[in-house]
């Protein structure tokens, strides 16, 4: 496991926070395909890391701690949108709204936008 990007300064020292953010099997972490859309989530922390799945394939995983729980995704679309907001905000508080859409080839995808209201 390799940490790629996080906004948690002492994540390597805070072993419980690290475990909570990376334990994707945990019931406290919700997959973003759950019915969590069209709601606003205050972003508290995030962690982008690599892990190896059960088939031995390395994957890049984003876990977001929000005011309504932990969420995790491997969606490139979602990660790209999330980091546009996170990089722009540069440590300042922000919120996101999650939504789904259908691509041109008919596949459902998960995405997010920063709330600017």
PDB file of N, CA and C in Angstrom:
ATOM      1  N   UNK A   1       0.839  -1.169   0.000  1.00  0.00           N
ATOM      2  CA  UNK A   1       0.000   0.000   0.000  1.00  0.00           C
ATOM      3  C   UNK A   1       0.890   1.241   0.000  1.00  0.00           C
ATOM      4  N   UNK A   2       0.525   2.179  -0.874  1.00  0.00           N
ATOM      5  CA  UNK A   2       1.290   3.419  -0.964  1.00  0.00           C
ATOM      6  C   UNK A   2       0.341   4.607  -0.906  1.00  0.00           C
ATOM      7  N   UNK A   3       0.640   5.574  -0.062  1.00  0.00           N
ATOM      8  CA  UNK A   3      -0.143   6.801   0.014  1.00  0.00           C
ATOM      9  C   UNK A   3       0.298   7.713  -1.127  1.00  0.00           C
ATOM     10  N   UNK A   4      -0.649   8.125  -1.947  1.00  0.00           N
ATOM     11  CA  UNK A   4      -0.366   9.017  -3.064  1.00  0.00           C
ATOM     12  C   UNK A   4      -0.592  10.467  -2.660  1.00  0.00           C
ATOM     13  N   UNK A   5      -1.739  10.725  -2.006  1.00  0.00           N
ATOM     14  CA  UNK A   5      -2.104  12.096  -1.669  1.00  0.00           C
ATOM     15  C   UNK A   5      -3.087  12.074  -0.505  1.00  0.00           C
ATOM     16  N   UNK A   6      -2.900  12.991   0.440  1.00  0.00           N
ATOM     17  CA  UNK A   6      -3.828  13.121   1.564  1.00  0.00           C
ATOM     18  C   UNK A   6      -3.755  14.536   2.102  1.00  0.00           C
ATOM     19  N   UNK A   7      -4.795  14.947   2.799  1.00  0.00           N
ATOM     20  CA  UNK A   7      -4.753  16.230   3.486  1.00  0.00           C
ATOM     21  C   UNK A   7      -4.623  16.039   4.996  1.00  0.00           C
ATOM     22  N   UNK A   8      -4.341  14.818   5.418  1.00  0.00           N
ATOM     23  CA  UNK A   8      -4.165  14.507   6.836  1.00  0.00           C
ATOM     24  C   UNK A   8      -2.673  14.551   7.134  1.00  0.00           C
ATOM     25  N   UNK A   9      -2.254  15.555   7.893  1.00  0.00           N
ATOM     26  CA  UNK A   9      -0.832  15.785   8.119  1.00  0.00           C
ATOM     27  C   UNK A   9      -0.115  14.625   8.794  1.00  0.00           C
ATOM     28  N   UNK A  10      -0.705  14.044   9.799  1.00  0.00           N
ATOM     29  CA  UNK A  10      -0.022  13.006  10.578  1.00  0.00           C
ATOM     30  C   UNK A  10      -0.602  11.619  10.339  1.00  0.00           C
ATOM     31  N   UNK A  11      -1.039  11.345   9.124  1.00  0.00           N
ATOM     32  CA  UNK A  11      -1.717  10.075   8.846  1.00  0.00           C
ATOM     33  C   UNK A  11      -0.843   8.865   9.169  1.00  0.00           C
ATOM     34  N   UNK A  12       0.443   8.931   8.865  1.00  0.00           N
ATOM     35  CA  UNK A  12       1.312   7.789   9.140  1.00  0.00           C
ATOM     36  C   UNK A  12       1.470   7.543  10.630  1.00  0.00           C
ATOM     37  N   UNK A  13       1.374   8.598  11.441  1.00  0.00           N
ATOM     38  CA  UNK A  13       1.479   8.429  12.886  1.00  0.00           C
ATOM     39  C   UNK A  13       0.144   8.029  13.518  1.00  0.00           C
ATOM     40  N   UNK A  14      -0.964   8.448  12.903  1.00  0.00           N
ATOM     41  CA  UNK A  14      -2.292   8.151  13.438  1.00  0.00           C
ATOM     42  C   UNK A  14      -2.778   6.828  12.839  1.00  0.00           C
ATOM     43  N   UNK A  15      -2.370   5.743  13.448  1.00  0.00           N
ATOM     44  CA  UNK A  15      -2.647   4.410  12.896  1.00  0.00           C
ATOM     45  C   UNK A  15      -4.136   4.085  12.845  1.00  0.00           C
ATOM     46  N   UNK A  16      -4.916   4.589  13.790  1.00  0.00           N
ATOM     47  CA  UNK A  16      -6.354   4.324  13.772  1.00  0.00           C
ATOM     48  C   UNK A  16      -7.020   5.060  12.610  1.00  0.00           C
ATOM     49  N   UNK A  17      -6.616   6.300  12.348  1.00  0.00           N
ATOM     50  CA  UNK A  17      -7.168   7.043  11.214  1.00  0.00           C
ATOM     51  C   UNK A  17      -6.768   6.360   9.912  1.00  0.00           C
ATOM     52  N   UNK A  18      -5.528   5.918   9.813  1.00  0.00           N
ATOM     53  CA  UNK A  18      -5.052   5.215   8.625  1.00  0.00           C
ATOM     54  C   UNK A  18      -5.866   3.945   8.393  1.00  0.00           C
ATOM     55  N   UNK A  19      -6.077   3.176   9.448  1.00  0.00           N
ATOM     56  CA  UNK A  19      -6.870   1.952   9.334  1.00  0.00           C
ATOM     57  C   UNK A  19      -8.292   2.274   8.886  1.00  0.00           C
ATOM     58  N   UNK A  20      -8.901   3.260   9.525  1.00  0.00           N
ATOM     59  CA  UNK A  20     -10.281   3.629   9.206  1.00  0.00           C
ATOM     60  C   UNK A  20     -10.403   4.064   7.737  1.00  0.00           C
ATOM     61  N   UNK A  21      -9.427   4.799   7.238  1.00  0.00           N
ATOM     62  CA  UNK A  21      -9.492   5.316   5.869  1.00  0.00           C
ATOM     63  C   UNK A  21      -9.158   4.255   4.816  1.00  0.00           C
ATOM     64  N   UNK A  22      -8.456   3.195   5.195  1.00  0.00           N
ATOM     65  CA  UNK A  22      -8.032   2.199   4.201  1.00  0.00           C
ATOM     66  C   UNK A  22      -8.756   0.869   4.301  1.00  0.00           C
ATOM     67  N   UNK A  23      -9.535   0.678   5.320  1.00  0.00           N
ATOM     68  CA  UNK A  23     -10.216  -0.606   5.500  1.00  0.00           C
ATOM     69  C   UNK A  23     -11.525  -0.593   4.724  1.00  0.00           C
ATOM     70  N   UNK A  24     -11.440  -0.820   3.401  1.00  0.00           N
ATOM     71  CA  UNK A  24     -12.616  -0.704   2.536  1.00  0.00           C
ATOM     72  C   UNK A  24     -13.652  -1.796   2.775  1.00  0.00           C
ATOM     73  N   UNK A  25     -13.297  -2.841   3.507  1.00  0.00           N
ATOM     74  CA  UNK A  25     -14.251  -3.904   3.818  1.00  0.00           C
ATOM     75  C   UNK A  25     -15.127  -3.497   5.002  1.00  0.00           C
ATOM     76  N   UNK A  26     -14.678  -2.491   5.724  1.00  0.00           N
ATOM     77  CA  UNK A  26     -15.365  -2.040   6.930  1.00  0.00           C
ATOM     78  C   UNK A  26     -16.781  -1.578   6.602  1.00  0.00           C
ATOM     79  N   UNK A  27     -17.699  -1.824   7.513  1.00  0.00           N
ATOM     80  CA  UNK A  27     -19.071  -1.363   7.313  1.00  0.00           C
ATOM     81  C   UNK A  27     -19.176   0.149   7.474  1.00  0.00           C
ATOM     82  N   UNK A  28     -18.154   0.780   8.035  1.00  0.00           N
ATOM     83  CA  UNK A  28     -18.208   2.233   8.177  1.00  0.00           C
ATOM     84  C   UNK A  28     -17.856   2.942   6.877  1.00  0.00           C
ATOM     85  N   UNK A  29     -17.345   2.215   5.904  1.00  0.00           N
ATOM     86  CA  UNK A  29     -17.006   2.806   4.611  1.00  0.00           C
ATOM     87  C   UNK A  29     -18.079   2.411   3.606  1.00  0.00           C
ATOM     88  N   UNK A  30     -18.691   3.404   3.005  1.00  0.00           N
ATOM     89  CA  UNK A  30     -19.759   3.148   2.051  1.00  0.00           C
ATOM     90  C   UNK A  30     -19.217   3.285   0.633  1.00  0.00           C
ATOM     91  N   UNK A  31     -19.606   2.372  -0.220  1.00  0.00           N
ATOM     92  CA  UNK A  31     -19.236   2.476  -1.618  1.00  0.00           C
ATOM     93  C   UNK A  31     -20.088   3.563  -2.256  1.00  0.00           C
ATOM     94  N   UNK A  32     -19.524   4.292  -3.179  1.00  0.00           N
ATOM     95  CA  UNK A  32     -20.245   5.413  -3.762  1.00  0.00           C
ATOM     96  C   UNK A  32     -21.338   5.002  -4.734  1.00  0.00           C
ATOM     97  N   UNK A  33     -21.591   3.725  -4.878  1.00  0.00           N
ATOM     98  CA  UNK A  33     -22.723   3.309  -5.691  1.00  0.00           C
ATOM     99  C   UNK A  33     -23.969   3.148  -4.829  1.00  0.00           C
ATOM    100  N   UNK A  34     -23.857   3.371  -3.527  1.00  0.00           N
ATOM    101  CA  UNK A  34     -25.029   3.354  -2.644  1.00  0.00           C
ATOM    102  C   UNK A  34     -25.921   4.548  -2.983  1.00  0.00           C
ATOM    103  N   UNK A  35     -27.101   4.586  -2.400  1.00  0.00           N
ATOM    104  CA  UNK A  35     -28.047   5.669  -2.668  1.00  0.00           C
ATOM    105  C   UNK A  35     -27.688   6.910  -1.863  1.00  0.00           C
ATOM    106  N   UNK A  36     -26.571   7.533  -2.191  1.00  0.00           N
ATOM    107  CA  UNK A  36     -26.079   8.687  -1.442  1.00  0.00           C
ATOM    108  C   UNK A  36     -26.052   9.947  -2.308  1.00  0.00           C
ATOM    109  N   UNK A  37     -26.769   9.970  -3.391  1.00  0.00           N
ATOM    110  CA  UNK A  37     -26.637  11.042  -4.356  1.00  0.00           C
ATOM    111  C   UNK A  37     -27.571  12.197  -4.073  1.00  0.00           C
ATOM    112  N   UNK A  38     -27.273  13.295  -4.735  1.00  0.00           N
ATOM    113  CA  UNK A  38     -28.061  14.517  -4.632  1.00  0.00           C
ATOM    114  C   UNK A  38     -28.161  15.016  -3.197  1.00  0.00           C
ATOM    115  N   UNK A  39     -27.108  14.816  -2.442  1.00  0.00           N
ATOM    116  CA  UNK A  39     -27.006  15.338  -1.087  1.00  0.00           C
ATOM    117  C   UNK A  39     -25.663  16.043  -0.986  1.00  0.00           C
ATOM    118  N   UNK A  40     -25.536  16.952  -0.060  1.00  0.00           N
ATOM    119  CA  UNK A  40     -24.304  17.702   0.136  1.00  0.00           C
ATOM    120  C   UNK A  40     -23.491  17.072   1.250  1.00  0.00           C
ATOM    121  N   UNK A  41     -22.183  16.955   1.026  1.00  0.00           N
ATOM    122  CA  UNK A  41     -21.273  16.343   1.988  1.00  0.00           C
ATOM    123  C   UNK A  41     -20.115  17.292   2.258  1.00  0.00           C
ATOM    124  N   UNK A  42     -19.936  17.671   3.524  1.00  0.00           N
ATOM    125  CA  UNK A  42     -18.779  18.464   3.913  1.00  0.00           C
ATOM    126  C   UNK A  42     -17.568  17.547   3.966  1.00  0.00           C
ATOM    127  N   UNK A  43     -16.531  17.893   3.227  1.00  0.00           N
ATOM    128  CA  UNK A  43     -15.322  17.077   3.186  1.00  0.00           C
ATOM    129  C   UNK A  43     -14.472  17.416   4.406  1.00  0.00           C
ATOM    130  N   UNK A  44     -14.179  16.399   5.202  1.00  0.00           N
ATOM    131  CA  UNK A  44     -13.353  16.564   6.400  1.00  0.00           C
ATOM    132  C   UNK A  44     -11.909  16.171   6.097  1.00  0.00           C
ATOM    133  N   UNK A  45     -11.729  15.074   5.370  1.00  0.00           N
ATOM    134  CA  UNK A  45     -10.391  14.582   5.035  1.00  0.00           C
ATOM    135  C   UNK A  45     -10.496  13.653   3.836  1.00  0.00           C
ATOM    136  N   UNK A  46      -9.355  13.423   3.189  1.00  0.00           N
ATOM    137  CA  UNK A  46      -9.330  12.472   2.083  1.00  0.00           C
ATOM    138  C   UNK A  46      -7.989  11.761   2.044  1.00  0.00           C
ATOM    139  N   UNK A  47      -8.001  10.606   1.412  1.00  0.00           N
ATOM    140  CA  UNK A  47      -6.799   9.803   1.246  1.00  0.00           C
ATOM    141  C   UNK A  47      -6.871   9.104  -0.110  1.00  0.00           C
ATOM    142  N   UNK A  48      -5.856   9.311  -0.932  1.00  0.00           N
ATOM    143  CA  UNK A  48      -5.716   8.609  -2.203  1.00  0.00           C
ATOM    144  C   UNK A  48      -4.532   7.674  -2.048  1.00  0.00           C
ATOM    145  N   UNK A  49      -4.758   6.388  -2.289  1.00  0.00           N
ATOM    146  CA  UNK A  49      -3.699   5.403  -2.085  1.00  0.00           C
ATOM    147  C   UNK A  49      -3.851   4.260  -3.073  1.00  0.00           C
ATOM    148  N   UNK A  50      -2.794   3.465  -3.194  1.00  0.00           N
ATOM    149  CA  UNK A  50      -2.861   2.269  -4.022  1.00  0.00           C
ATOM    150  C   UNK A  50      -2.976   1.054  -3.125  1.00  0.00           C
ATOM    151  N   UNK A  51      -3.667   0.040  -3.623  1.00  0.00           N
ATOM    152  CA  UNK A  51      -3.801  -1.229  -2.921  1.00  0.00           C
ATOM    153  C   UNK A  51      -3.929  -2.313  -3.986  1.00  0.00           C
ATOM    154  N   UNK A  52      -3.765  -3.535  -3.577  1.00  0.00           N
ATOM    155  CA  UNK A  52      -3.864  -4.671  -4.492  1.00  0.00           C
ATOM    156  C   UNK A  52      -5.178  -5.386  -4.216  1.00  0.00           C
ATOM    157  N   UNK A  53      -5.963  -5.628  -5.274  1.00  0.00           N
ATOM    158  CA  UNK A  53      -7.243  -6.311  -5.082  1.00  0.00           C
ATOM    159  C   UNK A  53      -7.045  -7.821  -4.989  1.00  0.00           C
ATOM    160  N   UNK A  54      -8.136  -8.557  -4.839  1.00  0.00           N
ATOM    161  CA  UNK A  54      -8.069 -10.008  -4.649  1.00  0.00           C
ATOM    162  C   UNK A  54      -7.509 -10.745  -5.859  1.00  0.00           C
ATOM    163  N   UNK A  55      -7.505 -10.089  -7.022  1.00  0.00           N
ATOM    164  CA  UNK A  55      -6.960 -10.706  -8.240  1.00  0.00           C
ATOM    165  C   UNK A  55      -5.507 -10.319  -8.473  1.00  0.00           C
ATOM    166  N   UNK A  56      -4.926  -9.572  -7.529  1.00  0.00           N
ATOM    167  CA  UNK A  56      -3.531  -9.175  -7.639  1.00  0.00           C
ATOM    168  C   UNK A  56      -3.302  -7.915  -8.458  1.00  0.00           C
ATOM    169  N   UNK A  57      -4.380  -7.240  -8.835  1.00  0.00           N
ATOM    170  CA  UNK A  57      -4.263  -6.026  -9.638  1.00  0.00           C
ATOM    171  C   UNK A  57      -4.171  -4.801  -8.733  1.00  0.00           C
ATOM    172  N   UNK A  58      -3.186  -3.949  -9.002  1.00  0.00           N
ATOM    173  CA  UNK A  58      -3.059  -2.724  -8.225  1.00  0.00           C
ATOM    174  C   UNK A  58      -4.125  -1.733  -8.679  1.00  0.00           C
ATOM    175  N   UNK A  59      -4.736  -1.072  -7.708  1.00  0.00           N
ATOM    176  CA  UNK A  59      -5.757  -0.077  -8.031  1.00  0.00           C
ATOM    177  C   UNK A  59      -5.570   1.147  -7.151  1.00  0.00           C
ATOM    178  N   UNK A  60      -6.011   2.263  -7.665  1.00  0.00           N
ATOM    179  CA  UNK A  60      -5.916   3.538  -6.953  1.00  0.00           C
ATOM    180  C   UNK A  60      -7.264   3.817  -6.305  1.00  0.00           C
ATOM    181  N   UNK A  61      -7.269   4.030  -5.000  1.00  0.00           N
ATOM    182  CA  UNK A  61      -8.506   4.156  -4.229  1.00  0.00           C
ATOM    183  C   UNK A  61      -8.550   5.526  -3.554  1.00  0.00           C
ATOM    184  N   UNK A  62      -9.706   6.165  -3.625  1.00  0.00           N
ATOM    185  CA  UNK A  62      -9.937   7.423  -2.922  1.00  0.00           C
ATOM    186  C   UNK A  62     -10.937   7.168  -1.803  1.00  0.00           C
ATOM    187  N   UNK A  63     -10.552   7.532  -0.585  1.00  0.00           N
ATOM    188  CA  UNK A  63     -11.472   7.497   0.549  1.00  0.00           C
ATOM    189  C   UNK A  63     -11.668   8.927   1.030  1.00  0.00           C
ATOM    190  N   UNK A  64     -12.926   9.295   1.223  1.00  0.00           N
ATOM    191  CA  UNK A  64     -13.269  10.634   1.684  1.00  0.00           C
ATOM    192  C   UNK A  64     -14.011  10.518   3.008  1.00  0.00           C
ATOM    193  N   UNK A  65     -13.532  11.242   4.005  1.00  0.00           N
ATOM    194  CA  UNK A  65     -14.250  11.340   5.274  1.00  0.00           C
ATOM    195  C   UNK A  65     -15.108  12.588   5.185  1.00  0.00           C
ATOM    196  N   UNK A  66     -16.410  12.416   5.392  1.00  0.00           N
ATOM    197  CA  UNK A  66     -17.347  13.535   5.321  1.00  0.00           C
ATOM    198  C   UNK A  66     -18.097  13.659   6.639  1.00  0.00           C
ATOM    199  N   UNK A  67     -18.927  14.670   6.711  1.00  0.00           N
ATOM    200  CA  UNK A  67     -19.771  14.852   7.891  1.00  0.00           C
ATOM    201  C   UNK A  67     -20.831  13.759   7.997  1.00  0.00           C
ATOM    202  N   UNK A  68     -20.998  12.952   6.945  1.00  0.00           N
ATOM    203  CA  UNK A  68     -22.013  11.897   6.942  1.00  0.00           C
ATOM    204  C   UNK A  68     -21.418  10.509   6.789  1.00  0.00           C
ATOM    205  N   UNK A  69     -20.113  10.370   7.039  1.00  0.00           N
ATOM    206  CA  UNK A  69     -19.477   9.060   6.989  1.00  0.00           C
ATOM    207  C   UNK A  69     -18.334   9.009   5.999  1.00  0.00           C
ATOM    208  N   UNK A  70     -17.771   7.817   5.861  1.00  0.00           N
ATOM    209  CA  UNK A  70     -16.667   7.568   4.938  1.00  0.00           C
ATOM    210  C   UNK A  70     -17.204   7.006   3.631  1.00  0.00           C
ATOM    211  N   UNK A  71     -16.602   7.442   2.528  1.00  0.00           N
ATOM    212  CA  UNK A  71     -16.956   6.936   1.213  1.00  0.00           C
ATOM    213  C   UNK A  71     -15.683   6.554   0.479  1.00  0.00           C
ATOM    214  N   UNK A  72     -15.766   5.537  -0.346  1.00  0.00           N
ATOM    215  CA  UNK A  72     -14.593   5.103  -1.101  1.00  0.00           C
ATOM    216  C   UNK A  72     -14.976   4.828  -2.543  1.00  0.00           C
ATOM    217  N   UNK A  73     -14.025   5.091  -3.448  1.00  0.00           N
ATOM    218  CA  UNK A  73     -14.275   4.871  -4.866  1.00  0.00           C
ATOM    219  C   UNK A  73     -12.968   4.600  -5.595  1.00  0.00           C
ATOM    220  N   UNK A  74     -13.082   3.909  -6.719  1.00  0.00           N
ATOM    221  CA  UNK A  74     -11.959   3.725  -7.633  1.00  0.00           C
ATOM    222  C   UNK A  74     -12.255   4.429  -8.959  1.00  0.00           C
ATOM    223  N   UNK A  75     -13.372   5.127  -9.046  1.00  0.00           N
ATOM    224  CA  UNK A  75     -13.801   5.788 -10.274  1.00  0.00           C
ATOM    225  C   UNK A  75     -12.843   6.918 -10.662  1.00  0.00           C
ATOM    226  N   UNK A  76     -12.260   6.815 -11.847  1.00  0.00           N
ATOM    227  CA  UNK A  76     -11.363   7.867 -12.340  1.00  0.00           C
ATOM    228  C   UNK A  76     -12.125   9.175 -12.529  1.00  0.00           C
ATOM    229  N   UNK A  77     -13.332   9.099 -13.045  1.00  0.00           N
ATOM    230  CA  UNK A  77     -14.158  10.287 -13.258  1.00  0.00           C
ATOM    231  C   UNK A  77     -14.372  11.021 -11.940  1.00  0.00           C
ATOM    232  N   UNK A  78     -14.765  10.286 -10.917  1.00  0.00           N
ATOM    233  CA  UNK A  78     -15.013  10.890  -9.612  1.00  0.00           C
ATOM    234  C   UNK A  78     -13.733  11.488  -9.049  1.00  0.00           C
ATOM    235  N   UNK A  79     -12.632  10.732  -9.096  1.00  0.00           N
ATOM    236  CA  UNK A  79     -11.368  11.219  -8.545  1.00  0.00           C
ATOM    237  C   UNK A  79     -10.909  12.487  -9.253  1.00  0.00           C
ATOM    238  N   UNK A  80     -11.028  12.525 -10.572  1.00  0.00           N
ATOM    239  CA  UNK A  80     -10.635  13.727 -11.319  1.00  0.00           C
ATOM    240  C   UNK A  80     -11.451  14.938 -10.864  1.00  0.00           C
ATOM    241  N   UNK A  81     -12.756  14.779 -10.752  1.00  0.00           N
ATOM    242  CA  UNK A  81     -13.619  15.884 -10.319  1.00  0.00           C
ATOM    243  C   UNK A  81     -13.321  16.290  -8.874  1.00  0.00           C
ATOM    244  N   UNK A  82     -13.137  15.295  -8.015  1.00  0.00           N
ATOM    245  CA  UNK A  82     -12.864  15.589  -6.609  1.00  0.00           C
ATOM    246  C   UNK A  82     -11.578  16.391  -6.466  1.00  0.00           C
ATOM    247  N   UNK A  83     -10.520  15.981  -7.154  1.00  0.00           N
ATOM    248  CA  UNK A  83      -9.238  16.665  -6.986  1.00  0.00           C
ATOM    249  C   UNK A  83      -9.192  18.027  -7.673  1.00  0.00           C
ATOM    250  N   UNK A  84     -10.060  18.283  -8.647  1.00  0.00           N
ATOM    251  CA  UNK A  84     -10.182  19.648  -9.170  1.00  0.00           C
ATOM    252  C   UNK A  84     -10.640  20.569  -8.042  1.00  0.00           C
ATOM    253  N   UNK A  85     -11.604  20.112  -7.263  1.00  0.00           N
ATOM    254  CA  UNK A  85     -12.104  20.908  -6.138  1.00  0.00           C
ATOM    255  C   UNK A  85     -11.087  20.973  -5.006  1.00  0.00           C
ATOM    256  N   UNK A  86     -10.550  19.833  -4.602  1.00  0.00           N
ATOM    257  CA  UNK A  86      -9.617  19.791  -3.469  1.00  0.00           C
ATOM    258  C   UNK A  86      -8.363  20.614  -3.751  1.00  0.00           C
ATOM    259  N   UNK A  87      -7.821  20.498  -4.956  1.00  0.00           N
ATOM    260  CA  UNK A  87      -6.619  21.263  -5.302  1.00  0.00           C
ATOM    261  C   UNK A  87      -6.910  22.758  -5.336  1.00  0.00           C
ATOM    262  N   UNK A  88      -8.058  23.134  -5.875  1.00  0.00           N
ATOM    263  CA  UNK A  88      -8.447  24.536  -5.915  1.00  0.00           C
ATOM    264  C   UNK A  88      -8.607  25.103  -4.508  1.00  0.00           C
ATOM    265  N   UNK A  89      -9.232  24.336  -3.625  1.00  0.00           N
ATOM    266  CA  UNK A  89      -9.496  24.813  -2.262  1.00  0.00           C
ATOM    267  C   UNK A  89      -8.236  24.814  -1.400  1.00  0.00           C
ATOM    268  N   UNK A  90      -7.243  24.000  -1.740  1.00  0.00           N
ATOM    269  CA  UNK A  90      -5.926  24.044  -1.111  1.00  0.00           C
ATOM    270  C   UNK A  90      -5.988  24.066   0.425  1.00  0.00           C
ATOM    271  N   UNK A  91      -6.782  23.151   0.993  1.00  0.00           N
ATOM    272  CA  UNK A  91      -6.858  23.042   2.447  1.00  0.00           C
ATOM    273  C   UNK A  91      -8.012  23.788   3.082  1.00  0.00           C
ATOM    274  N   UNK A  92      -8.671  24.683   2.338  1.00  0.00           N
ATOM    275  CA  UNK A  92      -9.842  25.382   2.866  1.00  0.00           C
ATOM    276  C   UNK A  92     -11.036  24.426   2.859  1.00  0.00           C
ATOM    277  N   UNK A  93     -11.987  24.615   3.764  1.00  0.00           N
ATOM    278  CA  UNK A  93     -13.160  23.732   3.819  1.00  0.00           C
ATOM    279  C   UNK A  93     -13.989  23.825   2.535  1.00  0.00           C
ATOM    280  N   UNK A  94     -14.551  22.681   2.141  1.00  0.00           N
ATOM    281  CA  UNK A  94     -15.453  22.662   0.992  1.00  0.00           C
ATOM    282  C   UNK A  94     -16.397  21.479   1.117  1.00  0.00           C
ATOM    283  N   UNK A  95     -17.439  21.527   0.314  1.00  0.00           N
ATOM    284  CA  UNK A  95     -18.437  20.460   0.285  1.00  0.00           C
ATOM    285  C   UNK A  95     -18.602  19.995  -1.154  1.00  0.00           C
ATOM    286  N   UNK A  96     -19.037  18.749  -1.288  1.00  0.00           N
ATOM    287  CA  UNK A  96     -19.302  18.188  -2.616  1.00  0.00           C
ATOM    288  C   UNK A  96     -20.730  17.663  -2.675  1.00  0.00           C
ATOM    289  N   UNK A  97     -21.215  17.538  -3.873  1.00  0.00           N
ATOM    290  CA  UNK A  97     -22.493  16.877  -4.142  1.00  0.00           C
ATOM    291  C   UNK A  97     -22.189  15.735  -5.093  1.00  0.00           C
ATOM    292  N   UNK A  98     -22.607  14.529  -4.727  1.00  0.00           N
ATOM    293  CA  UNK A  98     -22.394  13.348  -5.565  1.00  0.00           C
ATOM    294  C   UNK A  98     -23.592  13.157  -6.482  1.00  0.00           C
ATOM    295  N   UNK A  99     -23.330  12.652  -7.676  1.00  0.00           N
ATOM    296  CA  UNK A  99     -24.412  12.355  -8.608  1.00  0.00           C
ATOM    297  C   UNK A  99     -23.990  11.239  -9.550  1.00  0.00           C
ATOM    298  N   UNK A 100     -24.964  10.680 -10.248  1.00  0.00           N
ATOM    299  CA  UNK A 100     -24.685   9.659 -11.248  1.00  0.00           C
ATOM    300  C   UNK A 100     -25.117  10.183 -12.609  1.00  0.00           C
ATOM    301  N   UNK A 101     -24.579   9.564 -13.616  1.00  0.00           N
ATOM    302  CA  UNK A 101     -24.948   9.890 -14.986  1.00  0.00           C
ATOM    303  C   UNK A 101     -24.804   8.650 -15.846  1.00  0.00           C
ATOM    304  N   UNK A 102     -25.131   8.786 -17.100  1.00  0.00           N
ATOM    305  CA  UNK A 102     -24.999   7.691 -18.050  1.00  0.00           C
ATOM    306  C   UNK A 102     -24.093   8.173 -19.174  1.00  0.00           C
ATOM    307  N   UNK A 103     -23.032   7.415 -19.440  1.00  0.00           N
ATOM    308  CA  UNK A 103     -22.069   7.780 -20.481  1.00  0.00           C
ATOM    309  C   UNK A 103     -22.669   7.567 -21.862  1.00  0.00           C
ATOM    310  N   UNK A 104     -21.950   8.016 -22.877  1.00  0.00           N
ATOM    311  CA  UNK A 104     -22.405   7.838 -24.267  1.00  0.00           C
ATOM    312  C   UNK A 104     -22.569   6.373 -24.648  1.00  0.00           C
ATOM    313  N   UNK A 105     -21.783   5.486 -23.990  1.00  0.00           N
ATOM    314  CA  UNK A 105     -21.909   4.062 -24.309  1.00  0.00           C
ATOM    315  C   UNK A 105     -22.894   3.338 -23.391  1.00  0.00           C
ATOM    316  N   UNK A 106     -23.674   4.095 -22.607  1.00  0.00           N
ATOM    317  CA  UNK A 106     -24.752   3.518 -21.815  1.00  0.00           C
ATOM    318  C   UNK A 106     -24.371   3.038 -20.428  1.00  0.00           C
ATOM    319  N   UNK A 107     -23.130   3.277 -19.992  1.00  0.00           N
ATOM    320  CA  UNK A 107     -22.710   2.846 -18.658  1.00  0.00           C
ATOM    321  C   UNK A 107     -22.993   3.940 -17.624  1.00  0.00           C
ATOM    322  N   UNK A 108     -23.436   3.516 -16.446  1.00  0.00           N
ATOM    323  CA  UNK A 108     -23.670   4.447 -15.352  1.00  0.00           C
ATOM    324  C   UNK A 108     -22.340   4.788 -14.687  1.00  0.00           C
ATOM    325  N   UNK A 109     -22.165   6.063 -14.366  1.00  0.00           N
ATOM    326  CA  UNK A 109     -20.943   6.489 -13.684  1.00  0.00           C
ATOM    327  C   UNK A 109     -21.293   7.354 -12.479  1.00  0.00           C
ATOM    328  N   UNK A 110     -20.325   7.505 -11.588  1.00  0.00           N
ATOM    329  CA  UNK A 110     -20.467   8.301 -10.374  1.00  0.00           C
ATOM    330  C   UNK A 110     -19.549   9.511 -10.517  1.00  0.00           C
ATOM    331  N   UNK A 111     -20.022  10.675 -10.120  1.00  0.00           N
ATOM    332  CA  UNK A 111     -19.211  11.879 -10.211  1.00  0.00           C
ATOM    333  C   UNK A 111     -19.557  12.798  -9.044  1.00  0.00           C
ATOM    334  N   UNK A 112     -18.839  13.908  -8.939  1.00  0.00           N
ATOM    335  CA  UNK A 112     -19.131  14.889  -7.895  1.00  0.00           C
ATOM    336  C   UNK A 112     -18.799  16.275  -8.409  1.00  0.00           C
ATOM    337  N   UNK A 113     -19.376  17.255  -7.753  1.00  0.00           N
ATOM    338  CA  UNK A 113     -19.089  18.657  -8.023  1.00  0.00           C
ATOM    339  C   UNK A 113     -18.984  19.368  -6.682  1.00  0.00           C
ATOM    340  N   UNK A 114     -18.118  20.379  -6.653  1.00  0.00           N
ATOM    341  CA  UNK A 114     -18.008  21.183  -5.447  1.00  0.00           C
ATOM    342  C   UNK A 114     -19.265  22.046  -5.318  1.00  0.00           C
ATOM    343  N   UNK A 115     -19.758  22.173  -4.099  1.00  0.00           N
ATOM    344  CA  UNK A 115     -20.933  23.002  -3.824  1.00  0.00           C
ATOM    345  C   UNK A 115     -20.432  24.436  -3.673  1.00  0.00           C
ATOM    346  N   UNK A 116     -20.998  25.321  -4.461  1.00  0.00           N
ATOM    347  CA  UNK A 116     -20.554  26.720  -4.461  1.00  0.00           C
ATOM    348  C   UNK A 116     -21.652  27.675  -4.012  1.00  0.00           C
ATOM    349  N   UNK A 117     -22.696  27.176  -3.396  1.00  0.00           N
ATOM    350  CA  UNK A 117     -23.819  28.027  -2.953  1.00  0.00           C
ATOM    351  C   UNK A 117     -23.419  28.828  -1.747  1.00  0.00           C
TER     352      UNK A 117
END
